[in-house]
Amino acid sequence: MADEKNMNEKAETQEQESATAKNSEQEDPKQDVSEEKVDPQQAKIDELSKKLEESEDKYLRAQAEIANTQNRYQKEQERLLKYKGQDIAKAILPAVDNLNRALDIEVDDESSQQLKKGVEMVANDIQSALSNNDVVKMDALNKKFDPNFHQAVKTVPVEKGQESDMIVEVYQEGYMLKDRVLRPAMVVVAQ
């Protein structure tokens, strides 16, 4: 009986040792993981990888910003070149109007006719220079009134053969530079 008792005690002791060994095996992987986290080389690699990613991101953003700035600059240059003659064209238009008024005057004597011919030549040259630089006169007479292109200075009642909102007289010609209105036409509109 004493032998059986010793054997039972030995079996219980072995079971306890086995259970303790299992518990220590389960704890060992946790200790290994925590040791890996603390590994200074891996921490340095992770830190450098993160810095590299941040630097690459900053670099790509800077490249995109430079490309956007170049595109904006190019579009601005194109816009400036497209309308480069706008200021001088606006300044010349009153002189063109005065030349056209001078040409509307009827003259009888020969010297006045020669003077008128000279004025007509100057007016034609200026009109040609404006046309060569994409400044064109708007055709407004008998067109439908459009506030984007015309300035109504007077309205008159609609007469026979006219439609409402039609331009019946032009007081001052309007001009455009490419697709931009330099000066709207001053018109009389039938209402």
Protein backbone atom coordinates (compact mmCIF):
# COMPACT_ATOMS: atom_id res chain seq x y z
CA MET A 1 0.00 0.00 0.00
CA ALA A 2 2.80 2.28 0.73
CA ASP A 3 4.06 1.65 -2.77
CA GLU A 4 0.72 2.60 -4.27
CA LYS A 5 0.66 5.73 -2.21
CA ASN A 6 4.15 6.71 -3.41
CA MET A 7 3.17 6.02 -6.97
CA ASN A 8 0.07 8.22 -6.68
CA GLU A 9 2.14 11.03 -5.23
CA LYS A 10 4.69 10.67 -8.03
CA ALA A 11 1.90 10.77 -10.65
CA GLU A 12 0.42 13.91 -9.08
CA THR A 13 3.84 15.53 -8.96
CA GLN A 14 4.43 14.74 -12.62
CA GLU A 15 1.03 16.21 -13.57
CA GLN A 16 1.81 19.39 -11.66
CA GLU A 17 5.20 19.67 -13.34
CA SER A 18 3.62 19.05 -16.71
CA ALA A 19 1.01 21.77 -16.09
CA THR A 20 3.73 24.17 -14.94
CA ALA A 21 5.75 23.40 -18.08
CA LYS A 22 2.73 24.09 -20.30
CA ASN A 23 2.11 27.42 -18.58
CA SER A 24 5.73 28.43 -18.98
CA GLU A 25 5.63 27.45 -22.69
CA GLN A 26 2.59 29.68 -23.19
CA GLU A 27 4.34 32.57 -21.50
CA ASP A 28 7.57 32.18 -23.48
CA PRO A 29 6.09 33.30 -26.85
CA LYS A 30 4.78 36.44 -25.20
CA GLN A 31 8.18 37.15 -23.82
CA ASP A 32 9.71 36.60 -27.28
CA VAL A 33 7.21 39.01 -28.89
CA SER A 34 7.90 41.69 -26.33
CA GLU A 35 11.60 41.15 -26.86
CA GLU A 36 11.09 41.63 -30.64
CA LYS A 37 9.26 44.90 -30.02
CA VAL A 38 12.10 46.15 -27.97
CA ASP A 39 14.68 45.13 -30.59
CA PRO A 40 16.49 48.44 -31.27
CA GLN A 41 17.43 47.58 -34.86
CA GLN A 42 13.84 46.82 -35.86
CA ALA A 43 12.65 50.00 -34.14
CA LYS A 44 15.25 52.01 -36.08
CA ILE A 45 14.19 50.35 -39.36
CA ASP A 46 10.52 51.13 -38.66
CA GLU A 47 11.36 54.73 -37.81
CA LEU A 48 13.45 55.19 -40.96
CA SER A 49 10.75 53.56 -43.11
CA LYS A 50 8.17 55.97 -41.73
CA LYS A 51 10.47 58.95 -42.38
CA LEU A 52 11.09 57.71 -45.93
CA GLU A 53 7.34 57.46 -46.61
CA GLU A 54 6.80 60.98 -45.24
CA SER A 55 9.65 62.34 -47.36
CA GLU A 56 8.30 60.64 -50.49
CA ASP A 57 4.85 62.08 -49.79
CA LYS A 58 6.28 65.60 -49.33
CA TYR A 59 8.31 65.20 -52.53
CA LEU A 60 5.27 64.13 -54.56
CA ARG A 61 3.19 66.98 -53.16
CA ALA A 62 5.94 69.48 -53.99
CA GLN A 63 6.16 68.11 -57.54
CA ALA A 64 2.40 68.44 -57.95
CA GLU A 65 2.47 72.01 -56.64
CA ILE A 66 5.25 72.94 -59.08
CA ALA A 67 3.29 71.42 -61.98
CA ASN A 68 0.15 73.34 -60.94
CA THR A 69 2.10 76.59 -60.68
CA GLN A 70 3.60 76.07 -64.14
CA ASN A 71 0.13 75.37 -65.60
CA ARG A 72 -1.31 78.51 -63.98
CA TYR A 73 1.60 80.58 -65.27
CA GLN A 74 1.23 79.20 -68.79
CA LYS A 75 -2.53 79.87 -68.86
CA GLU A 76 -1.97 83.42 -67.58
CA GLN A 77 0.65 84.03 -70.29
CA GLU A 78 -1.71 82.69 -72.96
CA ARG A 79 -4.50 84.93 -71.69
CA LEU A 80 -2.22 87.98 -71.67
CA LEU A 81 -0.99 87.27 -75.18
CA LYS A 82 -4.51 86.64 -76.44
CA TYR A 83 -5.66 90.11 -75.36
CA LYS A 84 -2.32 91.94 -75.62
CA GLY A 85 -3.64 94.78 -77.81
CA GLN A 86 -6.75 95.51 -75.80
CA ASP A 87 -5.61 98.76 -74.16
CA ILE A 88 -4.28 100.37 -77.32
CA ALA A 89 -7.34 99.28 -79.29
CA LYS A 90 -9.62 100.91 -76.71
CA ALA A 91 -7.55 104.10 -76.90
CA ILE A 92 -7.76 104.22 -80.72
CA LEU A 93 -11.52 103.64 -81.03
CA PRO A 94 -12.54 107.27 -80.30
CA ALA A 95 -10.18 108.45 -83.07
CA VAL A 96 -11.76 105.93 -85.45
CA ASP A 97 -15.20 107.28 -84.53
CA ASN A 98 -14.06 110.86 -85.25
CA LEU A 99 -12.61 109.85 -88.61
CA ASN A 100 -15.88 108.13 -89.53
CA ARG A 101 -17.85 111.26 -88.52
CA ALA A 102 -15.57 113.36 -90.72
CA LEU A 103 -16.23 111.02 -93.63
CA ASP A 104 -20.01 111.36 -93.15
CA ILE A 105 -19.83 115.09 -93.92
CA GLU A 106 -20.76 116.03 -97.52
CA VAL A 107 -18.27 118.28 -99.30
CA ASP A 108 -18.68 120.24 -102.55
CA ASP A 109 -15.40 121.83 -103.54
CA GLU A 110 -12.37 120.00 -104.89
CA SER A 111 -9.96 120.78 -102.04
CA SER A 112 -12.45 119.47 -99.46
CA GLN A 113 -12.91 116.32 -101.52
CA GLN A 114 -9.15 115.77 -101.58
CA LEU A 115 -8.99 116.31 -97.82
CA LYS A 116 -11.86 113.88 -97.35
CA LYS A 117 -10.05 111.33 -99.52
CA GLY A 118 -6.96 111.65 -97.30
CA VAL A 119 -9.08 111.16 -94.17
CA GLU A 120 -10.69 108.14 -95.78
CA MET A 121 -7.26 106.61 -96.49
CA VAL A 122 -6.20 107.12 -92.86
CA ALA A 123 -9.48 105.63 -91.61
CA ASN A 124 -9.04 102.59 -93.90
CA ASP A 125 -5.46 102.06 -92.71
CA ILE A 126 -6.47 102.22 -89.06
CA GLN A 127 -9.39 99.86 -89.68
CA SER A 128 -7.05 97.47 -91.48
CA ALA A 129 -4.54 97.58 -88.59
CA LEU A 130 -7.31 96.87 -86.11
CA SER A 131 -8.60 93.95 -88.20
CA ASN A 132 -5.10 92.49 -88.50
CA ASN A 133 -4.94 92.47 -84.70
CA ASP A 134 -8.32 90.72 -84.32
CA VAL A 135 -10.27 93.89 -83.44
CA VAL A 136 -13.51 93.74 -85.42
CA LYS A 137 -16.55 95.96 -85.68
CA MET A 138 -19.81 94.42 -84.44
CA ASP A 139 -22.67 94.21 -86.88
CA ALA A 140 -25.57 95.48 -84.79
CA LEU A 141 -28.12 97.07 -87.14
CA ASN A 142 -31.31 94.99 -87.56
CA LYS A 143 -30.07 92.40 -85.06
CA LYS A 144 -31.79 91.30 -81.88
CA PHE A 145 -30.72 93.34 -78.85
CA ASP A 146 -28.24 91.52 -76.60
CA PRO A 147 -27.11 93.34 -73.43
CA ASN A 148 -23.80 91.46 -73.59
CA PHE A 149 -22.91 93.22 -76.85
CA HIS A 150 -25.16 96.27 -77.04
CA GLN A 151 -25.95 99.29 -74.88
CA ALA A 152 -29.45 100.64 -75.41
CA VAL A 153 -29.41 104.43 -75.22
CA LYS A 154 -32.94 104.92 -76.51
CA THR A 155 -36.10 102.94 -77.22
CA VAL A 156 -38.68 103.66 -79.89
CA PRO A 157 -42.09 102.11 -80.57
CA VAL A 158 -42.17 99.14 -82.92
CA GLU A 159 -43.11 100.15 -86.46
CA LYS A 160 -44.46 98.04 -89.30
CA GLY A 161 -41.94 95.43 -90.45
CA GLN A 162 -39.96 95.59 -87.20
CA GLU A 163 -39.87 93.11 -84.37
CA SER A 164 -39.68 93.85 -80.68
CA ASP A 165 -36.13 94.08 -79.26
CA MET A 166 -34.64 94.75 -82.70
CA ILE A 167 -31.90 97.34 -83.14
CA VAL A 168 -33.16 100.04 -85.51
CA GLU A 169 -30.28 102.54 -85.30
CA VAL A 170 -26.62 102.49 -84.20
CA TYR A 171 -25.28 105.65 -82.53
CA GLN A 172 -21.78 104.31 -81.93
CA GLU A 173 -20.20 101.17 -83.36
CA GLY A 174 -19.22 98.38 -81.01
CA TYR A 175 -15.93 96.49 -81.28
CA MET A 176 -14.67 93.08 -80.18
CA LEU A 177 -11.17 91.72 -79.62
CA LYS A 178 -11.39 88.02 -80.45
CA ASP A 179 -14.18 86.82 -78.11
CA ARG A 180 -14.10 89.82 -75.73
CA VAL A 181 -16.21 92.96 -76.07
CA LEU A 182 -13.97 96.03 -76.19
CA ARG A 183 -16.83 98.45 -76.43
CA PRO A 184 -20.54 97.67 -76.68
CA ALA A 185 -22.47 99.22 -79.53
CA MET A 186 -24.66 102.17 -78.51
CA VAL A 187 -28.02 101.46 -80.12
CA VAL A 188 -31.67 102.41 -80.44
CA VAL A 189 -34.03 99.51 -79.78
CA ALA A 190 -37.60 99.04 -80.99
CA GLN A 191 -39.89 98.10 -78.08
